[in-house]
Amino acid sequence: MLSLIRKKKESFIIKFVFIIIVLSFVGTIFLVWGQGSDGMGRGKGGYAATVDGTRISLEEYRNAYQRVKSMYQQIYG
């Protein structure tokens, strides 16, 4: 398969297929990235994760993250 692509690398069809592949990846990043699912990250009712059916709010996550970050900053400067 790769040898065929290498032989036909100047072909319009090969270039077109690769352009479609690249655009689909880029489009996915812009259309889906950061939206989450099930209301995650949307407004005040958003949550960071669900663990064993328990929702962890964004505020709880941010506080825990800041505590851990501060601890490592104190340890390693």
PDB file of N, CA and C in Angstrom:
ATOM      1  N   MET A   1       0.826  -1.190   0.000  1.00  0.00           N
ATOM      2  CA  MET A   1       0.000   0.000   0.000  1.00  0.00           C
ATOM      3  C   MET A   1       0.871   1.254   0.000  1.00  0.00           C
ATOM      4  N   LEU A   2       1.893   1.274   0.871  1.00  0.00           N
ATOM      5  CA  LEU A   2       2.776   2.436   0.914  1.00  0.00           C
ATOM      6  C   LEU A   2       3.561   2.590  -0.382  1.00  0.00           C
ATOM      7  N   SER A   3       3.948   1.474  -0.967  1.00  0.00           N
ATOM      8  CA  SER A   3       4.690   1.565  -2.224  1.00  0.00           C
ATOM      9  C   SER A   3       3.814   2.177  -3.321  1.00  0.00           C
ATOM     10  N   LEU A   4       2.524   1.826  -3.320  1.00  0.00           N
ATOM     11  CA  LEU A   4       1.600   2.412  -4.292  1.00  0.00           C
ATOM     12  C   LEU A   4       1.474   3.916  -4.083  1.00  0.00           C
ATOM     13  N   ILE A   5       1.357   4.324  -2.825  1.00  0.00           N
ATOM     14  CA  ILE A   5       1.250   5.758  -2.515  1.00  0.00           C
ATOM     15  C   ILE A   5       2.525   6.480  -2.930  1.00  0.00           C
ATOM     16  N   ARG A   6       3.684   5.854  -2.679  1.00  0.00           N
ATOM     17  CA  ARG A   6       4.955   6.486  -3.055  1.00  0.00           C
ATOM     18  C   ARG A   6       5.090   6.608  -4.568  1.00  0.00           C
ATOM     19  N   LYS A   7       4.652   5.595  -5.290  1.00  0.00           N
ATOM     20  CA  LYS A   7       4.738   5.641  -6.748  1.00  0.00           C
ATOM     21  C   LYS A   7       3.820   6.713  -7.320  1.00  0.00           C
ATOM     22  N   LYS A   8       2.654   6.865  -6.729  1.00  0.00           N
ATOM     23  CA  LYS A   8       1.640   7.795  -7.240  1.00  0.00           C
ATOM     24  C   LYS A   8       1.573   9.098  -6.447  1.00  0.00           C
ATOM     25  N   LYS A   9       2.664   9.463  -5.767  1.00  0.00           N
ATOM     26  CA  LYS A   9       2.630  10.625  -4.865  1.00  0.00           C
ATOM     27  C   LYS A   9       2.299  11.935  -5.568  1.00  0.00           C
ATOM     28  N   GLU A  10       2.503  12.029  -6.851  1.00  0.00           N
ATOM     29  CA  GLU A  10       2.170  13.243  -7.587  1.00  0.00           C
ATOM     30  C   GLU A  10       0.741  13.219  -8.127  1.00  0.00           C
ATOM     31  N   SER A  11       0.039  12.134  -7.901  1.00  0.00           N
ATOM     32  CA  SER A  11      -1.319  11.983  -8.402  1.00  0.00           C
ATOM     33  C   SER A  11      -2.284  12.904  -7.652  1.00  0.00           C
ATOM     34  N   PHE A  12      -3.220  13.468  -8.402  1.00  0.00           N
ATOM     35  CA  PHE A  12      -4.233  14.341  -7.810  1.00  0.00           C
ATOM     36  C   PHE A  12      -5.086  13.575  -6.798  1.00  0.00           C
ATOM     37  N   ILE A  13      -5.406  12.332  -7.083  1.00  0.00           N
ATOM     38  CA  ILE A  13      -6.268  11.528  -6.200  1.00  0.00           C
ATOM     39  C   ILE A  13      -5.590  11.293  -4.858  1.00  0.00           C
ATOM     40  N   ILE A  14      -4.309  10.963  -4.854  1.00  0.00           N
ATOM     41  CA  ILE A  14      -3.579  10.739  -3.603  1.00  0.00           C
ATOM     42  C   ILE A  14      -3.529  12.029  -2.791  1.00  0.00           C
ATOM     43  N   LYS A  15      -3.227  13.135  -3.442  1.00  0.00           N
ATOM     44  CA  LYS A  15      -3.188  14.419  -2.737  1.00  0.00           C
ATOM     45  C   LYS A  15      -4.567  14.765  -2.175  1.00  0.00           C
ATOM     46  N   PHE A  16      -5.602  14.521  -2.944  1.00  0.00           N
ATOM     47  CA  PHE A  16      -6.961  14.809  -2.500  1.00  0.00           C
ATOM     48  C   PHE A  16      -7.333  13.968  -1.273  1.00  0.00           C
ATOM     49  N   VAL A  17      -6.991  12.692  -1.303  1.00  0.00           N
ATOM     50  CA  VAL A  17      -7.296  11.808  -0.167  1.00  0.00           C
ATOM     51  C   VAL A  17      -6.572  12.288   1.083  1.00  0.00           C
ATOM     52  N   PHE A  18      -5.304  12.654   0.967  1.00  0.00           N
ATOM     53  CA  PHE A  18      -4.573  13.135   2.137  1.00  0.00           C
ATOM     54  C   PHE A  18      -5.115  14.463   2.652  1.00  0.00           C
ATOM     55  N   ILE A  19      -5.545  15.321   1.758  1.00  0.00           N
ATOM     56  CA  ILE A  19      -6.151  16.587   2.187  1.00  0.00           C
ATOM     57  C   ILE A  19      -7.432  16.317   2.964  1.00  0.00           C
ATOM     58  N   ILE A  20      -8.250  15.385   2.490  1.00  0.00           N
ATOM     59  CA  ILE A  20      -9.487  15.028   3.194  1.00  0.00           C
ATOM     60  C   ILE A  20      -9.173  14.465   4.578  1.00  0.00           C
ATOM     61  N   ILE A  21      -8.155  13.606   4.666  1.00  0.00           N
ATOM     62  CA  ILE A  21      -7.774  13.022   5.958  1.00  0.00           C
ATOM     63  C   ILE A  21      -7.328  14.119   6.922  1.00  0.00           C
ATOM     64  N   VAL A  22      -6.473  15.009   6.475  1.00  0.00           N
ATOM     65  CA  VAL A  22      -5.976  16.092   7.334  1.00  0.00           C
ATOM     66  C   VAL A  22      -7.120  17.001   7.769  1.00  0.00           C
ATOM     67  N   LEU A  23      -7.983  17.365   6.847  1.00  0.00           N
ATOM     68  CA  LEU A  23      -9.107  18.237   7.195  1.00  0.00           C
ATOM     69  C   LEU A  23     -10.067  17.567   8.178  1.00  0.00           C
ATOM     70  N   SER A  24     -10.228  16.258   8.069  1.00  0.00           N
ATOM     71  CA  SER A  24     -11.113  15.578   9.013  1.00  0.00           C
ATOM     72  C   SER A  24     -10.529  15.605  10.417  1.00  0.00           C
ATOM     73  N   PHE A  25      -9.199  15.443  10.548  1.00  0.00           N
ATOM     74  CA  PHE A  25      -8.583  15.535  11.866  1.00  0.00           C
ATOM     75  C   PHE A  25      -8.687  16.950  12.428  1.00  0.00           C
ATOM     76  N   VAL A  26      -8.388  17.933  11.610  1.00  0.00           N
ATOM     77  CA  VAL A  26      -8.461  19.323  12.061  1.00  0.00           C
ATOM     78  C   VAL A  26      -9.900  19.692  12.409  1.00  0.00           C
ATOM     79  N   GLY A  27     -10.846  19.273  11.583  1.00  0.00           N
ATOM     80  CA  GLY A  27     -12.258  19.548  11.865  1.00  0.00           C
ATOM     81  C   GLY A  27     -12.712  18.920  13.161  1.00  0.00           C
ATOM     82  N   THR A  28     -12.252  17.716  13.429  1.00  0.00           N
ATOM     83  CA  THR A  28     -12.606  17.048  14.680  1.00  0.00           C
ATOM     84  C   THR A  28     -12.093  17.829  15.876  1.00  0.00           C
ATOM     85  N   ILE A  29     -10.884  18.335  15.771  1.00  0.00           N
ATOM     86  CA  ILE A  29     -10.318  19.109  16.879  1.00  0.00           C
ATOM     87  C   ILE A  29     -11.187  20.333  17.158  1.00  0.00           C
ATOM     88  N   PHE A  30     -11.552  21.066  16.126  1.00  0.00           N
ATOM     89  CA  PHE A  30     -12.321  22.299  16.331  1.00  0.00           C
ATOM     90  C   PHE A  30     -13.774  22.039  16.712  1.00  0.00           C
ATOM     91  N   LEU A  31     -14.357  20.967  16.229  1.00  0.00           N
ATOM     92  CA  LEU A  31     -15.773  20.723  16.492  1.00  0.00           C
ATOM     93  C   LEU A  31     -16.030  19.999  17.804  1.00  0.00           C
ATOM     94  N   VAL A  32     -15.130  19.161  18.234  1.00  0.00           N
ATOM     95  CA  VAL A  32     -15.393  18.294  19.375  1.00  0.00           C
ATOM     96  C   VAL A  32     -14.549  18.635  20.593  1.00  0.00           C
ATOM     97  N   TRP A  33     -13.337  19.069  20.375  1.00  0.00           N
ATOM     98  CA  TRP A  33     -12.389  19.255  21.468  1.00  0.00           C
ATOM     99  C   TRP A  33     -12.925  20.248  22.495  1.00  0.00           C
ATOM    100  N   GLY A  34     -12.960  19.845  23.755  1.00  0.00           N
ATOM    101  CA  GLY A  34     -13.370  20.721  24.836  1.00  0.00           C
ATOM    102  C   GLY A  34     -14.850  20.747  25.135  1.00  0.00           C
ATOM    103  N   GLN A  35     -15.666  20.092  24.341  1.00  0.00           N
ATOM    104  CA  GLN A  35     -17.094  20.101  24.611  1.00  0.00           C
ATOM    105  C   GLN A  35     -17.469  19.133  25.711  1.00  0.00           C
ATOM    106  N   GLY A  36     -16.740  18.064  25.869  1.00  0.00           N
ATOM    107  CA  GLY A  36     -17.068  17.075  26.882  1.00  0.00           C
ATOM    108  C   GLY A  36     -18.345  16.341  26.536  1.00  0.00           C
ATOM    109  N   SER A  37     -18.892  15.674  27.558  1.00  0.00           N
ATOM    110  CA  SER A  37     -20.149  14.959  27.345  1.00  0.00           C
ATOM    111  C   SER A  37     -20.975  14.999  28.616  1.00  0.00           C
ATOM    112  N   ASP A  38     -22.256  14.770  28.486  1.00  0.00           N
ATOM    113  CA  ASP A  38     -23.174  14.733  29.631  1.00  0.00           C
ATOM    114  C   ASP A  38     -23.137  16.018  30.441  1.00  0.00           C
ATOM    115  N   GLY A  39     -22.970  17.154  29.785  1.00  0.00           N
ATOM    116  CA  GLY A  39     -23.008  18.430  30.496  1.00  0.00           C
ATOM    117  C   GLY A  39     -21.723  18.808  31.182  1.00  0.00           C
ATOM    118  N   MET A  40     -20.667  18.068  30.973  1.00  0.00           N
ATOM    119  CA  MET A  40     -19.405  18.381  31.640  1.00  0.00           C
ATOM    120  C   MET A  40     -18.902  19.740  31.187  1.00  0.00           C
ATOM    121  N   GLY A  41     -18.494  20.556  32.144  1.00  0.00           N
ATOM    122  CA  GLY A  41     -17.901  21.835  31.834  1.00  0.00           C
ATOM    123  C   GLY A  41     -18.868  22.891  31.355  1.00  0.00           C
ATOM    124  N   ARG A  42     -20.139  22.692  31.511  1.00  0.00           N
ATOM    125  CA  ARG A  42     -21.121  23.660  31.023  1.00  0.00           C
ATOM    126  C   ARG A  42     -21.761  24.390  32.195  1.00  0.00           C
ATOM    127  N   GLY A  43     -21.392  25.628  32.362  1.00  0.00           N
ATOM    128  CA  GLY A  43     -22.021  26.469  33.374  1.00  0.00           C
ATOM    129  C   GLY A  43     -21.749  26.010  34.792  1.00  0.00           C
ATOM    130  N   LYS A  44     -22.622  26.442  35.726  1.00  0.00           N
ATOM    131  CA  LYS A  44     -22.441  26.108  37.128  1.00  0.00           C
ATOM    132  C   LYS A  44     -22.711  24.644  37.420  1.00  0.00           C
ATOM    133  N   GLY A  45     -23.551  24.012  36.637  1.00  0.00           N
ATOM    134  CA  GLY A  45     -23.890  22.620  36.884  1.00  0.00           C
ATOM    135  C   GLY A  45     -22.878  21.641  36.338  1.00  0.00           C
ATOM    136  N   GLY A  46     -21.800  22.137  35.752  1.00  0.00           N
ATOM    137  CA  GLY A  46     -20.804  21.262  35.157  1.00  0.00           C
ATOM    138  C   GLY A  46     -20.011  20.517  36.214  1.00  0.00           C
ATOM    139  N   TYR A  47     -19.401  19.444  35.794  1.00  0.00           N
ATOM    140  CA  TYR A  47     -18.570  18.671  36.701  1.00  0.00           C
ATOM    141  C   TYR A  47     -17.334  18.213  35.967  1.00  0.00           C
ATOM    142  N   ALA A  48     -16.287  17.921  36.730  1.00  0.00           N
ATOM    143  CA  ALA A  48     -15.008  17.546  36.141  1.00  0.00           C
ATOM    144  C   ALA A  48     -14.960  16.067  35.808  1.00  0.00           C
ATOM    145  N   ALA A  49     -15.570  15.224  36.669  1.00  0.00           N
ATOM    146  CA  ALA A  49     -15.520  13.774  36.457  1.00  0.00           C
ATOM    147  C   ALA A  49     -16.625  13.103  37.249  1.00  0.00           C
ATOM    148  N   THR A  50     -16.844  11.844  36.919  1.00  0.00           N
ATOM    149  CA  THR A  50     -17.750  11.005  37.686  1.00  0.00           C
ATOM    150  C   THR A  50     -16.971   9.774  38.114  1.00  0.00           C
ATOM    151  N   VAL A  51     -16.919   9.517  39.414  1.00  0.00           N
ATOM    152  CA  VAL A  51     -16.199   8.366  39.947  1.00  0.00           C
ATOM    153  C   VAL A  51     -17.175   7.529  40.748  1.00  0.00           C
ATOM    154  N   ASP A  52     -17.389   6.297  40.328  1.00  0.00           N
ATOM    155  CA  ASP A  52     -18.332   5.390  40.990  1.00  0.00           C
ATOM    156  C   ASP A  52     -19.695   6.053  41.190  1.00  0.00           C
ATOM    157  N   GLY A  53     -20.153   6.794  40.221  1.00  0.00           N
ATOM    158  CA  GLY A  53     -21.462   7.427  40.288  1.00  0.00           C
ATOM    159  C   GLY A  53     -21.484   8.740  41.039  1.00  0.00           C
ATOM    160  N   THR A  54     -20.369   9.143  41.637  1.00  0.00           N
ATOM    161  CA  THR A  54     -20.281  10.401  42.376  1.00  0.00           C
ATOM    162  C   THR A  54     -19.652  11.463  41.488  1.00  0.00           C
ATOM    163  N   ARG A  55     -20.358  12.568  41.307  1.00  0.00           N
ATOM    164  CA  ARG A  55     -19.831  13.650  40.488  1.00  0.00           C
ATOM    165  C   ARG A  55     -18.861  14.505  41.294  1.00  0.00           C
ATOM    166  N   ILE A  56     -17.756  14.847  40.652  1.00  0.00           N
ATOM    167  CA  ILE A  56     -16.771  15.741  41.256  1.00  0.00           C
ATOM    168  C   ILE A  56     -16.919  17.076  40.539  1.00  0.00           C
ATOM    169  N   SER A  57     -17.292  18.100  41.301  1.00  0.00           N
ATOM    170  CA  SER A  57     -17.546  19.406  40.693  1.00  0.00           C
ATOM    171  C   SER A  57     -16.243  20.027  40.195  1.00  0.00           C
ATOM    172  N   LEU A  58     -16.401  20.968  39.290  1.00  0.00           N
ATOM    173  CA  LEU A  58     -15.231  21.669  38.780  1.00  0.00           C
ATOM    174  C   LEU A  58     -14.510  22.417  39.890  1.00  0.00           C
ATOM    175  N   GLU A  59     -15.274  22.975  40.804  1.00  0.00           N
ATOM    176  CA  GLU A  59     -14.672  23.715  41.922  1.00  0.00           C
ATOM    177  C   GLU A  59     -13.853  22.784  42.812  1.00  0.00           C
ATOM    178  N   GLU A  60     -14.387  21.603  43.131  1.00  0.00           N
ATOM    179  CA  GLU A  60     -13.634  20.632  43.934  1.00  0.00           C
ATOM    180  C   GLU A  60     -12.348  20.223  43.222  1.00  0.00           C
ATOM    181  N   TYR A  61     -12.444  19.993  41.925  1.00  0.00           N
ATOM    182  CA  TYR A  61     -11.279  19.610  41.152  1.00  0.00           C
ATOM    183  C   TYR A  61     -10.225  20.717  41.162  1.00  0.00           C
ATOM    184  N   ARG A  62     -10.663  21.945  40.910  1.00  0.00           N
ATOM    185  CA  ARG A  62      -9.719  23.062  40.892  1.00  0.00           C
ATOM    186  C   ARG A  62      -9.036  23.248  42.242  1.00  0.00           C
ATOM    187  N   ASN A  63      -9.792  23.128  43.325  1.00  0.00           N
ATOM    188  CA  ASN A  63      -9.203  23.267  44.654  1.00  0.00           C
ATOM    189  C   ASN A  63      -8.172  22.175  44.917  1.00  0.00           C
ATOM    190  N   ALA A  64      -8.499  20.943  44.591  1.00  0.00           N
ATOM    191  CA  ALA A  64      -7.566  19.833  44.792  1.00  0.00           C
ATOM    192  C   ALA A  64      -6.324  20.021  43.928  1.00  0.00           C
ATOM    193  N   TYR A  65      -6.526  20.446  42.698  1.00  0.00           N
ATOM    194  CA  TYR A  65      -5.394  20.681  41.804  1.00  0.00           C
ATOM    195  C   TYR A  65      -4.472  21.761  42.366  1.00  0.00           C
ATOM    196  N   GLN A  66      -5.038  22.858  42.845  1.00  0.00           N
ATOM    197  CA  GLN A  66      -4.230  23.947  43.397  1.00  0.00           C
ATOM    198  C   GLN A  66      -3.468  23.496  44.642  1.00  0.00           C
ATOM    199  N   ARG A  67      -4.104  22.669  45.491  1.00  0.00           N
ATOM    200  CA  ARG A  67      -3.415  22.164  46.683  1.00  0.00           C
ATOM    201  C   ARG A  67      -2.213  21.315  46.296  1.00  0.00           C
ATOM    202  N   VAL A  68      -2.394  20.413  45.354  1.00  0.00           N
ATOM    203  CA  VAL A  68      -1.295  19.544  44.927  1.00  0.00           C
ATOM    204  C   VAL A  68      -0.202  20.363  44.253  1.00  0.00           C
ATOM    205  N   LYS A  69      -0.591  21.307  43.423  1.00  0.00           N
ATOM    206  CA  LYS A  69       0.378  22.168  42.743  1.00  0.00           C
ATOM    207  C   LYS A  69       1.198  22.965  43.750  1.00  0.00           C
ATOM    208  N   SER A  70       0.532  23.530  44.749  1.00  0.00           N
ATOM    209  CA  SER A  70       1.234  24.308  45.777  1.00  0.00           C
ATOM    210  C   SER A  70       2.178  23.420  46.575  1.00  0.00           C
ATOM    211  N   MET A  71       1.726  22.206  46.882  1.00  0.00           N
ATOM    212  CA  MET A  71       2.582  21.281  47.645  1.00  0.00           C
ATOM    213  C   MET A  71       3.868  20.992  46.868  1.00  0.00           C
ATOM    214  N   TYR A  72       3.756  20.690  45.588  1.00  0.00           N
ATOM    215  CA  TYR A  72       4.949  20.398  44.804  1.00  0.00           C
ATOM    216  C   TYR A  72       5.809  21.622  44.586  1.00  0.00           C
ATOM    217  N   GLN A  73       5.210  22.810  44.529  1.00  0.00           N
ATOM    218  CA  GLN A  73       6.010  24.025  44.407  1.00  0.00           C
ATOM    219  C   GLN A  73       6.815  24.253  45.679  1.00  0.00           C
ATOM    220  N   GLN A  74       6.236  23.951  46.841  1.00  0.00           N
ATOM    221  CA  GLN A  74       6.968  24.106  48.093  1.00  0.00           C
ATOM    222  C   GLN A  74       8.084  23.076  48.208  1.00  0.00           C
ATOM    223  N   ILE A  75       7.827  21.864  47.756  1.00  0.00           N
ATOM    224  CA  ILE A  75       8.843  20.801  47.855  1.00  0.00           C
ATOM    225  C   ILE A  75      10.002  21.071  46.910  1.00  0.00           C
ATOM    226  N   TYR A  76       9.713  21.390  45.649  1.00  0.00           N
ATOM    227  CA  TYR A  76      10.752  21.512  44.641  1.00  0.00           C
ATOM    228  C   TYR A  76      11.129  22.944  44.272  1.00  0.00           C
ATOM    229  N   GLY A  77      10.419  23.885  44.852  1.00  0.00           N
ATOM    230  CA  GLY A  77      10.739  25.294  44.593  1.00  0.00           C
ATOM    231  C   GLY A  77      10.391  25.698  43.281  1.00  0.00           C
TER     232      GLY A  77
END
